[in-house]
Amino acid sequence: MTEPTLDLGPQARIVARLAEGVTDAQLTDGTPCPRYEVRHLLAHLAGLSAAFRDAGRKDLGATTDTSPDGALPEPAPGWREDLPAVLGELAEAWRDPRAWSGMTRAGGVDLPGEVAGAVAADELVVHGWDLARATGQDYVPDPAALEAAHAFLLAAAAEPGRDGGEGIFGPVVPVPSDAPLLDRTVGLSGRDPGWTPRV
């Protein structure tokens, strides 16, 4: 059996460390995600981690069928313990080479395992950036996860029917071609790499 395409563990641990650095006073601060406060972003990270954990396991059901476009998510009371745990479970699920083959589902969408793994990397990289920016923490994503996220977003923006300025998550923010890879990835996700919290 072949090795997994990508180990999501390093990026999952980076996101867990960022979450650990969030103070209670920051939970109602704004983020680069429209409508999301920090608390919503943390709850979203917990939900997507459970969904992609189960997508990797091919354990399809409530977690993998739920669209992320519903009501604003709220963190559970034990989120400080639960989020690192589910991030670890997500990484472990995708260490199984079988996660990357066949079909699976996430967000109510059926997709190939390899694509789902790339989406998981993208979610962890981009939302890691969101969380770091919103809470004033330094952020250096895992290089392999960043490469996977950039490749996924670049391919999605080039899909037939898109005009080149429309990414999968909204209008692409133009970023110079010689900008750091993280800035280019963030721009492809529809975010301004120069975003800072409002004072």
N, C-alpha and C. Protein backbone atom coordinates (compact mmCIF):
# COMPACT_ATOMS: atom_id res chain seq x y z
N MET A 1 0.84 -1.19 0.00
CA MET A 1 0.00 0.00 0.00
C MET A 1 0.89 1.25 0.00
N THR A 2 0.53 2.23 -0.80
CA THR A 2 1.34 3.43 -0.92
C THR A 2 1.21 4.31 0.33
N GLU A 3 2.17 5.20 0.49
CA GLU A 3 2.16 6.12 1.61
C GLU A 3 1.10 7.21 1.38
N PRO A 4 0.56 7.80 2.46
CA PRO A 4 -0.39 8.90 2.30
C PRO A 4 0.23 10.04 1.49
N THR A 5 -0.61 10.76 0.77
CA THR A 5 -0.15 11.86 -0.05
C THR A 5 0.48 12.97 0.78
N LEU A 6 -0.08 13.23 1.96
CA LEU A 6 0.35 14.36 2.78
C LEU A 6 0.05 14.04 4.24
N ASP A 7 0.97 14.35 5.12
CA ASP A 7 0.72 14.22 6.55
C ASP A 7 0.15 15.54 7.06
N LEU A 8 -1.11 15.51 7.47
CA LEU A 8 -1.77 16.72 7.97
C LEU A 8 -1.41 17.02 9.42
N GLY A 9 -0.66 16.11 10.06
CA GLY A 9 -0.33 16.28 11.47
C GLY A 9 0.40 17.57 11.81
N PRO A 10 1.46 17.93 11.07
CA PRO A 10 2.17 19.17 11.43
C PRO A 10 1.28 20.40 11.37
N GLN A 11 0.43 20.51 10.35
CA GLN A 11 -0.44 21.68 10.26
C GLN A 11 -1.53 21.63 11.32
N ALA A 12 -2.04 20.45 11.62
CA ALA A 12 -3.05 20.33 12.68
C ALA A 12 -2.47 20.77 14.02
N ARG A 13 -1.21 20.42 14.29
CA ARG A 13 -0.58 20.84 15.55
C ARG A 13 -0.38 22.35 15.59
N ILE A 14 -0.06 22.94 14.46
CA ILE A 14 0.10 24.40 14.41
C ILE A 14 -1.22 25.08 14.75
N VAL A 15 -2.31 24.60 14.18
CA VAL A 15 -3.63 25.19 14.46
C VAL A 15 -3.98 24.99 15.94
N ALA A 16 -3.67 23.82 16.49
CA ALA A 16 -3.95 23.56 17.90
C ALA A 16 -3.19 24.54 18.78
N ARG A 17 -1.93 24.83 18.44
CA ARG A 17 -1.14 25.78 19.23
C ARG A 17 -1.72 27.20 19.14
N LEU A 18 -2.19 27.56 17.96
CA LEU A 18 -2.83 28.87 17.81
C LEU A 18 -4.08 28.97 18.68
N ALA A 19 -4.88 27.90 18.68
CA ALA A 19 -6.09 27.91 19.49
C ALA A 19 -5.75 28.02 20.97
N GLU A 20 -4.68 27.36 21.37
CA GLU A 20 -4.25 27.41 22.77
C GLU A 20 -3.88 28.84 23.17
N GLY A 21 -3.39 29.63 22.21
CA GLY A 21 -2.97 30.99 22.49
C GLY A 21 -4.10 32.01 22.52
N VAL A 22 -5.33 31.59 22.23
CA VAL A 22 -6.47 32.50 22.23
C VAL A 22 -6.90 32.77 23.67
N THR A 23 -7.04 34.05 24.01
CA THR A 23 -7.53 34.41 25.34
C THR A 23 -9.05 34.52 25.33
N ASP A 24 -9.65 34.41 26.49
CA ASP A 24 -11.10 34.55 26.58
C ASP A 24 -11.55 35.92 26.08
N ALA A 25 -10.73 36.95 26.32
CA ALA A 25 -11.08 38.31 25.91
C ALA A 25 -11.12 38.45 24.39
N GLN A 26 -10.44 37.55 23.66
CA GLN A 26 -10.40 37.64 22.20
C GLN A 26 -11.55 36.91 21.50
N LEU A 27 -12.36 36.20 22.24
CA LEU A 27 -13.37 35.35 21.62
C LEU A 27 -14.40 36.13 20.81
N THR A 28 -14.63 37.39 21.15
CA THR A 28 -15.60 38.19 20.41
C THR A 28 -14.94 39.15 19.42
N ASP A 29 -13.63 39.03 19.21
CA ASP A 29 -12.95 39.86 18.23
C ASP A 29 -13.30 39.41 16.81
N GLY A 30 -13.16 40.33 15.87
CA GLY A 30 -13.42 40.01 14.47
C GLY A 30 -12.31 39.19 13.85
N THR A 31 -12.60 38.59 12.71
CA THR A 31 -11.63 37.78 11.98
C THR A 31 -11.69 38.15 10.50
N PRO A 32 -10.75 37.64 9.69
CA PRO A 32 -10.83 37.87 8.24
C PRO A 32 -12.03 37.20 7.59
N CYS A 33 -12.69 36.27 8.28
CA CYS A 33 -13.88 35.61 7.74
C CYS A 33 -15.10 36.51 7.97
N PRO A 34 -15.77 36.95 6.92
CA PRO A 34 -16.96 37.79 7.12
C PRO A 34 -17.96 37.12 8.06
N ARG A 35 -18.51 37.88 8.97
CA ARG A 35 -19.52 37.44 9.95
C ARG A 35 -18.93 36.68 11.11
N TYR A 36 -17.72 36.12 11.00
CA TYR A 36 -17.17 35.29 12.06
C TYR A 36 -16.40 36.11 13.08
N GLU A 37 -16.73 35.91 14.35
CA GLU A 37 -15.86 36.33 15.44
C GLU A 37 -14.92 35.17 15.73
N VAL A 38 -13.94 35.41 16.59
CA VAL A 38 -12.97 34.36 16.90
C VAL A 38 -13.67 33.11 17.41
N ARG A 39 -14.68 33.27 18.23
CA ARG A 39 -15.37 32.10 18.79
C ARG A 39 -16.04 31.27 17.69
N HIS A 40 -16.60 31.95 16.69
CA HIS A 40 -17.22 31.23 15.58
C HIS A 40 -16.17 30.47 14.77
N LEU A 41 -15.02 31.10 14.58
CA LEU A 41 -13.94 30.47 13.84
C LEU A 41 -13.45 29.21 14.56
N LEU A 42 -13.32 29.29 15.86
CA LEU A 42 -12.90 28.13 16.63
C LEU A 42 -13.93 27.00 16.53
N ALA A 43 -15.21 27.35 16.59
CA ALA A 43 -16.26 26.33 16.45
C ALA A 43 -16.26 25.74 15.05
N HIS A 44 -16.03 26.58 14.06
CA HIS A 44 -15.95 26.11 12.67
C HIS A 44 -14.78 25.14 12.51
N LEU A 45 -13.64 25.47 13.10
CA LEU A 45 -12.48 24.59 13.04
C LEU A 45 -12.79 23.23 13.68
N ALA A 46 -13.50 23.25 14.80
CA ALA A 46 -13.87 21.99 15.44
C ALA A 46 -14.80 21.18 14.55
N GLY A 47 -15.79 21.85 13.95
CA GLY A 47 -16.74 21.15 13.10
C GLY A 47 -16.10 20.59 11.84
N LEU A 48 -15.25 21.39 11.19
CA LEU A 48 -14.63 20.90 9.96
C LEU A 48 -13.63 19.80 10.27
N SER A 49 -12.99 19.87 11.43
CA SER A 49 -12.05 18.81 11.79
C SER A 49 -12.77 17.48 11.98
N ALA A 50 -13.93 17.52 12.63
CA ALA A 50 -14.72 16.31 12.79
C ALA A 50 -15.21 15.80 11.44
N ALA A 51 -15.63 16.72 10.58
CA ALA A 51 -16.14 16.32 9.26
C ALA A 51 -15.04 15.67 8.42
N PHE A 52 -13.86 16.28 8.39
CA PHE A 52 -12.79 15.72 7.56
C PHE A 52 -12.14 14.50 8.22
N ARG A 53 -12.20 14.41 9.54
CA ARG A 53 -11.79 13.16 10.20
C ARG A 53 -12.65 12.02 9.70
N ASP A 54 -13.97 12.24 9.72
CA ASP A 54 -14.89 11.17 9.31
C ASP A 54 -14.85 10.94 7.81
N ALA A 55 -14.58 12.00 7.03
CA ALA A 55 -14.42 11.81 5.59
C ALA A 55 -13.21 10.93 5.31
N GLY A 56 -12.13 11.14 6.06
CA GLY A 56 -10.94 10.31 5.89
C GLY A 56 -11.19 8.86 6.29
N ARG A 57 -12.00 8.67 7.31
CA ARG A 57 -12.34 7.32 7.76
C ARG A 57 -13.40 6.66 6.87
N LYS A 58 -13.99 7.45 5.97
CA LYS A 58 -15.14 7.00 5.16
C LYS A 58 -16.32 6.63 6.08
N ASP A 59 -16.42 7.34 7.18
CA ASP A 59 -17.50 7.16 8.14
C ASP A 59 -18.54 8.26 7.88
N LEU A 60 -19.34 8.06 6.84
CA LEU A 60 -20.22 9.11 6.35
C LEU A 60 -21.51 9.16 7.17
N GLY A 61 -21.93 10.39 7.46
CA GLY A 61 -23.13 10.57 8.27
C GLY A 61 -23.35 12.04 8.58
N ALA A 62 -23.81 12.30 9.79
CA ALA A 62 -24.18 13.67 10.16
C ALA A 62 -23.03 14.66 10.01
N THR A 63 -21.83 14.29 10.42
CA THR A 63 -20.71 15.23 10.36
C THR A 63 -20.31 15.55 8.93
N THR A 64 -20.40 14.57 8.04
CA THR A 64 -19.95 14.78 6.66
C THR A 64 -21.05 15.31 5.76
N ASP A 65 -22.30 15.26 6.22
CA ASP A 65 -23.42 15.70 5.39
C ASP A 65 -23.84 17.13 5.65
N THR A 66 -23.32 17.74 6.70
CA THR A 66 -23.75 19.08 7.10
C THR A 66 -23.03 20.15 6.29
N SER A 67 -23.80 21.04 5.69
CA SER A 67 -23.21 22.15 4.94
C SER A 67 -22.61 23.16 5.90
N PRO A 68 -21.47 23.75 5.56
CA PRO A 68 -20.87 24.76 6.43
C PRO A 68 -21.56 26.12 6.33
N ASP A 69 -22.59 26.22 5.50
CA ASP A 69 -23.22 27.52 5.24
C ASP A 69 -24.42 27.81 6.12
N GLY A 70 -24.59 27.06 7.21
CA GLY A 70 -25.75 27.26 8.07
C GLY A 70 -25.54 28.41 9.05
N ALA A 71 -26.17 28.27 10.22
CA ALA A 71 -26.07 29.30 11.25
C ALA A 71 -24.64 29.41 11.76
N LEU A 72 -24.33 30.55 12.33
CA LEU A 72 -23.00 30.76 12.89
C LEU A 72 -22.75 29.72 13.99
N PRO A 73 -21.64 28.99 13.90
CA PRO A 73 -21.37 27.96 14.90
C PRO A 73 -20.89 28.58 16.21
N GLU A 74 -21.22 27.94 17.31
CA GLU A 74 -20.76 28.39 18.62
C GLU A 74 -19.90 27.29 19.24
N PRO A 75 -18.82 27.67 19.90
CA PRO A 75 -17.95 26.64 20.50
C PRO A 75 -18.63 25.96 21.69
N ALA A 76 -18.36 24.67 21.83
CA ALA A 76 -18.84 23.93 22.98
C ALA A 76 -18.08 24.39 24.22
N PRO A 77 -18.66 24.19 25.42
CA PRO A 77 -17.98 24.64 26.65
C PRO A 77 -16.56 24.08 26.79
N GLY A 78 -16.32 22.86 26.34
CA GLY A 78 -15.00 22.26 26.49
C GLY A 78 -14.12 22.38 25.26
N TRP A 79 -14.29 23.45 24.50
CA TRP A 79 -13.58 23.55 23.22
C TRP A 79 -12.06 23.56 23.39
N ARG A 80 -11.55 24.07 24.50
CA ARG A 80 -10.09 24.13 24.67
C ARG A 80 -9.48 22.73 24.72
N GLU A 81 -10.20 21.77 25.22
CA GLU A 81 -9.73 20.38 25.22
C GLU A 81 -10.16 19.65 23.95
N ASP A 82 -11.38 19.94 23.50
CA ASP A 82 -11.95 19.19 22.37
C ASP A 82 -11.28 19.50 21.04
N LEU A 83 -10.94 20.77 20.80
CA LEU A 83 -10.40 21.15 19.50
C LEU A 83 -9.04 20.49 19.23
N PRO A 84 -8.08 20.53 20.15
CA PRO A 84 -6.82 19.83 19.88
C PRO A 84 -7.02 18.32 19.67
N ALA A 85 -7.97 17.74 20.41
CA ALA A 85 -8.21 16.30 20.29
C ALA A 85 -8.74 15.96 18.90
N VAL A 86 -9.72 16.72 18.41
CA VAL A 86 -10.30 16.39 17.11
C VAL A 86 -9.34 16.73 15.97
N LEU A 87 -8.49 17.73 16.16
CA LEU A 87 -7.46 18.01 15.17
C LEU A 87 -6.49 16.83 15.07
N GLY A 88 -6.14 16.25 16.20
CA GLY A 88 -5.27 15.08 16.20
C GLY A 88 -5.94 13.89 15.52
N GLU A 89 -7.23 13.72 15.77
CA GLU A 89 -7.98 12.62 15.13
C GLU A 89 -8.06 12.81 13.63
N LEU A 90 -8.23 14.06 13.20
CA LEU A 90 -8.24 14.37 11.76
C LEU A 90 -6.92 13.94 11.13
N ALA A 91 -5.82 14.35 11.73
CA ALA A 91 -4.51 14.02 11.18
C ALA A 91 -4.31 12.51 11.12
N GLU A 92 -4.71 11.82 12.17
CA GLU A 92 -4.53 10.37 12.22
C GLU A 92 -5.36 9.67 11.14
N ALA A 93 -6.57 10.14 10.90
CA ALA A 93 -7.42 9.53 9.88
C ALA A 93 -6.77 9.60 8.50
N TRP A 94 -6.10 10.72 8.22
CA TRP A 94 -5.52 10.90 6.89
C TRP A 94 -4.11 10.32 6.77
N ARG A 95 -3.62 9.70 7.84
CA ARG A 95 -2.37 8.95 7.74
C ARG A 95 -2.61 7.56 7.12
N ASP A 96 -3.86 7.16 7.05
CA ASP A 96 -4.22 5.89 6.42
C ASP A 96 -4.28 6.11 4.90
N PRO A 97 -3.46 5.42 4.13
CA PRO A 97 -3.48 5.63 2.68
C PRO A 97 -4.86 5.45 2.05
N ARG A 98 -5.71 4.65 2.68
CA ARG A 98 -7.05 4.43 2.13
C ARG A 98 -7.90 5.69 2.15
N ALA A 99 -7.56 6.63 3.03
CA ALA A 99 -8.31 7.89 3.07
C ALA A 99 -8.18 8.66 1.76
N TRP A 100 -7.05 8.49 1.10
CA TRP A 100 -6.75 9.27 -0.11
C TRP A 100 -7.28 8.62 -1.39
N SER A 101 -7.90 7.46 -1.28
CA SER A 101 -8.40 6.76 -2.46
C SER A 101 -9.91 6.65 -2.39
N GLY A 102 -10.52 6.29 -3.51
CA GLY A 102 -11.97 6.12 -3.55
C GLY A 102 -12.70 7.44 -3.38
N MET A 103 -13.97 7.34 -3.06
CA MET A 103 -14.81 8.51 -2.87
C MET A 103 -15.13 8.69 -1.40
N THR A 104 -15.43 9.93 -1.02
CA THR A 104 -15.86 10.24 0.32
C THR A 104 -16.80 11.44 0.25
N ARG A 105 -17.09 12.04 1.40
CA ARG A 105 -18.01 13.17 1.42
C ARG A 105 -17.59 14.14 2.51
N ALA A 106 -17.76 15.42 2.24
CA ALA A 106 -17.54 16.47 3.25
C ALA A 106 -18.42 17.65 2.89
N GLY A 107 -19.03 18.27 3.90
CA GLY A 107 -19.91 19.40 3.64
C GLY A 107 -21.09 19.05 2.77
N GLY A 108 -21.47 17.76 2.76
CA GLY A 108 -22.58 17.32 1.94
C GLY A 108 -22.24 17.12 0.49
N VAL A 109 -20.96 17.20 0.15
CA VAL A 109 -20.50 17.08 -1.24
C VAL A 109 -19.68 15.80 -1.39
N ASP A 110 -20.03 14.97 -2.37
CA ASP A 110 -19.24 13.78 -2.68
C ASP A 110 -18.02 14.19 -3.50
N LEU A 111 -16.86 13.68 -3.13
CA LEU A 111 -15.64 14.04 -3.85
C LEU A 111 -14.59 12.95 -3.64
N PRO A 112 -13.62 12.88 -4.55
CA PRO A 112 -12.55 11.88 -4.40
C PRO A 112 -11.76 12.11 -3.12
N GLY A 113 -11.27 11.02 -2.54
CA GLY A 113 -10.50 11.13 -1.31
C GLY A 113 -9.32 12.07 -1.43
N GLU A 114 -8.63 12.02 -2.56
CA GLU A 114 -7.45 12.87 -2.74
C GLU A 114 -7.84 14.35 -2.73
N VAL A 115 -8.99 14.67 -3.32
CA VAL A 115 -9.47 16.06 -3.30
C VAL A 115 -9.88 16.45 -1.89
N ALA A 116 -10.57 15.57 -1.19
CA ALA A 116 -10.98 15.86 0.19
C ALA A 116 -9.77 16.13 1.08
N GLY A 117 -8.70 15.37 0.89
CA GLY A 117 -7.49 15.61 1.66
C GLY A 117 -6.89 16.97 1.37
N ALA A 118 -6.92 17.38 0.11
CA ALA A 118 -6.41 18.70 -0.26
C ALA A 118 -7.28 19.81 0.33
N VAL A 119 -8.60 19.58 0.33
CA VAL A 119 -9.50 20.57 0.94
C VAL A 119 -9.23 20.68 2.43
N ALA A 120 -8.99 19.55 3.09
CA ALA A 120 -8.68 19.58 4.53
C ALA A 120 -7.41 20.39 4.78
N ALA A 121 -6.40 20.18 3.96
CA ALA A 121 -5.16 20.96 4.10
C ALA A 121 -5.44 22.44 3.92
N ASP A 122 -6.23 22.78 2.91
CA ASP A 122 -6.57 24.17 2.65
C ASP A 122 -7.31 24.79 3.84
N GLU A 123 -8.27 24.06 4.38
CA GLU A 123 -9.04 24.58 5.52
C GLU A 123 -8.12 24.86 6.71
N LEU A 124 -7.22 23.94 6.98
CA LEU A 124 -6.32 24.12 8.12
C LEU A 124 -5.33 25.26 7.90
N VAL A 125 -4.82 25.39 6.68
CA VAL A 125 -3.85 26.45 6.39
C VAL A 125 -4.52 27.82 6.43
N VAL A 126 -5.63 27.96 5.71
CA VAL A 126 -6.26 29.28 5.60
C VAL A 126 -6.91 29.70 6.92
N HIS A 127 -7.59 28.78 7.58
CA HIS A 127 -8.20 29.16 8.85
C HIS A 127 -7.15 29.32 9.95
N GLY A 128 -6.01 28.65 9.81
CA GLY A 128 -4.90 28.94 10.71
C GLY A 128 -4.45 30.38 10.56
N TRP A 129 -4.36 30.83 9.31
CA TRP A 129 -4.01 32.23 9.06
C TRP A 129 -5.05 33.17 9.64
N ASP A 130 -6.34 32.83 9.41
CA ASP A 130 -7.42 33.65 9.97
C ASP A 130 -7.26 33.81 11.47
N LEU A 131 -7.05 32.69 12.14
CA LEU A 131 -6.97 32.71 13.60
C LEU A 131 -5.74 33.47 14.08
N ALA A 132 -4.62 33.27 13.41
CA ALA A 132 -3.41 33.98 13.79
C ALA A 132 -3.57 35.48 13.62
N ARG A 133 -4.12 35.90 12.48
CA ARG A 133 -4.30 37.32 12.24
C ARG A 133 -5.27 37.95 13.23
N ALA A 134 -6.35 37.25 13.50
CA ALA A 134 -7.37 37.80 14.39
C ALA A 134 -6.88 37.95 15.82
N THR A 135 -5.92 37.10 16.22
CA THR A 135 -5.47 37.09 17.62
C THR A 135 -4.04 37.59 17.79
N GLY A 136 -3.44 38.09 16.72
CA GLY A 136 -2.11 38.69 16.81
C GLY A 136 -0.99 37.71 17.07
N GLN A 137 -1.13 36.50 16.58
CA GLN A 137 -0.10 35.49 16.78
C GLN A 137 0.73 35.29 15.51
N ASP A 138 1.98 34.93 15.70
CA ASP A 138 2.84 34.60 14.56
C ASP A 138 2.33 33.33 13.90
N TYR A 139 2.54 33.25 12.59
CA TYR A 139 2.02 32.10 11.86
C TYR A 139 2.98 31.68 10.76
N VAL A 140 3.47 30.47 10.87
CA VAL A 140 4.27 29.85 9.82
C VAL A 140 3.64 28.49 9.56
N PRO A 141 2.86 28.34 8.49
CA PRO A 141 2.20 27.06 8.24
C PRO A 141 3.19 25.98 7.83
N ASP A 142 2.74 24.74 7.96
CA ASP A 142 3.55 23.62 7.49
C ASP A 142 3.77 23.76 5.99
N PRO A 143 5.01 23.71 5.50
CA PRO A 143 5.27 23.95 4.08
C PRO A 143 4.52 22.99 3.15
N ALA A 144 4.45 21.71 3.51
CA ALA A 144 3.76 20.75 2.64
C ALA A 144 2.27 21.03 2.57
N ALA A 145 1.66 21.36 3.70
CA ALA A 145 0.24 21.69 3.71
C ALA A 145 -0.03 22.98 2.94
N LEU A 146 0.88 23.95 3.07
CA LEU A 146 0.73 25.20 2.33
C LEU A 146 0.80 24.96 0.82
N GLU A 147 1.74 24.13 0.39
CA GLU A 147 1.84 23.80 -1.04
C GLU A 147 0.55 23.14 -1.53
N ALA A 148 0.02 22.22 -0.73
CA ALA A 148 -1.21 21.53 -1.12
C ALA A 148 -2.39 22.49 -1.19
N ALA A 149 -2.48 23.40 -0.21
CA ALA A 149 -3.57 24.37 -0.20
C ALA A 149 -3.49 25.29 -1.42
N HIS A 150 -2.29 25.77 -1.71
CA HIS A 150 -2.12 26.66 -2.87
C HIS A 150 -2.49 25.95 -4.16
N ALA A 151 -2.02 24.72 -4.33
CA ALA A 151 -2.32 23.97 -5.55
C ALA A 151 -3.82 23.74 -5.69
N PHE A 152 -4.50 23.43 -4.59
CA PHE A 152 -5.94 23.21 -4.63
C PHE A 152 -6.67 24.48 -5.03
N LEU A 153 -6.35 25.60 -4.40
CA LEU A 153 -7.04 26.86 -4.69
C LEU A 153 -6.74 27.35 -6.10
N LEU A 154 -5.51 27.15 -6.56
CA LEU A 154 -5.14 27.56 -7.92
C LEU A 154 -5.93 26.75 -8.95
N ALA A 155 -6.03 25.45 -8.73
CA ALA A 155 -6.78 24.59 -9.64
C ALA A 155 -8.26 24.94 -9.62
N ALA A 156 -8.79 25.23 -8.44
CA ALA A 156 -10.21 25.57 -8.32
C ALA A 156 -10.52 26.87 -9.06
N ALA A 157 -9.61 27.85 -8.97
CA ALA A 157 -9.83 29.13 -9.64
C ALA A 157 -9.78 28.99 -11.16
N ALA A 158 -9.10 27.94 -11.64
CA ALA A 158 -8.95 27.73 -13.08
C ALA A 158 -10.02 26.80 -13.64
N GLU A 159 -10.95 26.34 -12.82
CA GLU A 159 -11.98 25.43 -13.30
C GLU A 159 -12.84 26.10 -14.37
N PRO A 160 -13.34 25.33 -15.33
CA PRO A 160 -14.23 25.90 -16.35
C PRO A 160 -15.44 26.58 -15.70
N GLY A 161 -15.80 27.72 -16.26
CA GLY A 161 -16.93 28.46 -15.71
C GLY A 161 -16.53 29.57 -14.78
N ARG A 162 -15.28 29.55 -14.33
CA ARG A 162 -14.80 30.65 -13.49
C ARG A 162 -14.08 31.65 -14.39
N ASP A 163 -14.23 32.94 -14.07
CA ASP A 163 -13.69 33.97 -14.95
C ASP A 163 -12.25 34.35 -14.64
N GLY A 164 -11.62 33.62 -13.74
CA GLY A 164 -10.24 33.93 -13.37
C GLY A 164 -10.15 34.81 -12.16
N GLY A 165 -11.20 35.60 -11.90
CA GLY A 165 -11.19 36.44 -10.71
C GLY A 165 -12.08 35.87 -9.62
N GLU A 166 -12.68 34.71 -9.89
CA GLU A 166 -13.59 34.10 -8.94
C GLU A 166 -12.98 32.81 -8.40
N GLY A 167 -12.69 32.80 -7.12
CA GLY A 167 -12.18 31.58 -6.50
C GLY A 167 -13.31 30.74 -5.96
N ILE A 168 -12.96 29.61 -5.41
CA ILE A 168 -13.98 28.70 -4.89
C ILE A 168 -14.68 29.27 -3.66
N PHE A 169 -14.01 30.18 -2.94
CA PHE A 169 -14.60 30.76 -1.73
C PHE A 169 -14.94 32.24 -1.89
N GLY A 170 -14.92 32.74 -3.12
CA GLY A 170 -15.25 34.13 -3.35
C GLY A 170 -14.25 34.78 -4.28
N PRO A 171 -14.41 36.09 -4.53
CA PRO A 171 -13.51 36.77 -5.45
C PRO A 171 -12.06 36.69 -4.99
N VAL A 172 -11.18 36.34 -5.92
CA VAL A 172 -9.75 36.28 -5.63
C VAL A 172 -9.23 37.69 -5.38
N VAL A 173 -8.41 37.84 -4.35
CA VAL A 173 -7.74 39.12 -4.08
C VAL A 173 -6.41 39.10 -4.80
N PRO A 174 -6.19 40.02 -5.76
CA PRO A 174 -4.93 40.00 -6.51
C PRO A 174 -3.72 40.19 -5.59
N VAL A 175 -2.72 39.34 -5.81
CA VAL A 175 -1.48 39.38 -5.03
C VAL A 175 -0.33 39.27 -6.02
N PRO A 176 0.74 40.05 -5.86
CA PRO A 176 1.86 39.96 -6.80
C PRO A 176 2.40 38.54 -6.92
N SER A 177 2.81 38.17 -8.12
CA SER A 177 3.28 36.81 -8.37
C SER A 177 4.55 36.47 -7.60
N ASP A 178 5.29 37.50 -7.17
CA ASP A 178 6.51 37.25 -6.41
C ASP A 178 6.29 37.37 -4.90
N ALA A 179 5.02 37.47 -4.49
CA ALA A 179 4.71 37.54 -3.06
C ALA A 179 4.95 36.17 -2.42
N PRO A 180 5.12 36.13 -1.10
CA PRO A 180 5.28 34.84 -0.43
C PRO A 180 4.11 33.90 -0.75
N LEU A 181 4.39 32.60 -0.74
CA LEU A 181 3.37 31.62 -1.10
C LEU A 181 2.15 31.73 -0.19
N LEU A 182 2.35 32.02 1.09
CA LEU A 182 1.21 32.15 1.99
C LEU A 182 0.30 33.30 1.56
N ASP A 183 0.89 34.44 1.19
CA ASP A 183 0.09 35.57 0.73
C ASP A 183 -0.69 35.22 -0.53
N ARG A 184 -0.04 34.51 -1.46
CA ARG A 184 -0.73 34.13 -2.69
C ARG A 184 -1.87 33.14 -2.40
N THR A 185 -1.65 32.26 -1.45
CA THR A 185 -2.69 31.31 -1.08
C THR A 185 -3.87 32.02 -0.42
N VAL A 186 -3.57 32.92 0.48
CA VAL A 186 -4.61 33.70 1.16
C VAL A 186 -5.42 34.51 0.14
N GLY A 187 -4.72 35.11 -0.83
CA GLY A 187 -5.42 35.86 -1.87
C GLY A 187 -6.35 34.99 -2.69
N LEU A 188 -5.91 33.78 -3.03
CA LEU A 188 -6.76 32.86 -3.78
C LEU A 188 -7.98 32.43 -2.98
N SER A 189 -7.88 32.49 -1.66
CA SER A 189 -9.02 32.11 -0.82
C SER A 189 -10.02 33.25 -0.66
N GLY A 190 -9.74 34.40 -1.29
CA GLY A 190 -10.65 35.53 -1.21
C GLY A 190 -10.36 36.47 -0.06
N ARG A 191 -9.18 36.36 0.51
CA ARG A 191 -8.82 37.20 1.65
C ARG A 191 -7.72 38.17 1.26
N ASP A 192 -7.67 39.29 1.94
CA ASP A 192 -6.61 40.28 1.74
C ASP A 192 -5.45 39.92 2.66
N PRO A 193 -4.27 39.58 2.11
CA PRO A 193 -3.14 39.23 2.97
C PRO A 193 -2.74 40.35 3.92
N GLY A 194 -3.15 41.57 3.64
CA GLY A 194 -2.82 42.69 4.52
C GLY A 194 -3.84 42.95 5.62
N TRP A 195 -4.83 42.05 5.75
CA TRP A 195 -5.90 42.24 6.75
C TRP A 195 -5.32 42.35 8.15
N THR A 196 -5.82 43.34 8.89
CA THR A 196 -5.47 43.47 10.30
C THR A 196 -6.75 43.75 11.08
N PRO A 197 -6.77 43.41 12.37
CA PRO A 197 -7.97 43.67 13.17
C PRO A 197 -8.25 45.15 13.27
N ARG A 198 -9.52 45.51 13.31
CA ARG A 198 -9.88 46.91 13.53
C ARG A 198 -9.66 47.25 15.00
N VAL A 199 -9.08 48.41 15.20
CA VAL A 199 -8.81 48.84 16.58
C VAL A 199 -9.97 49.66 17.09
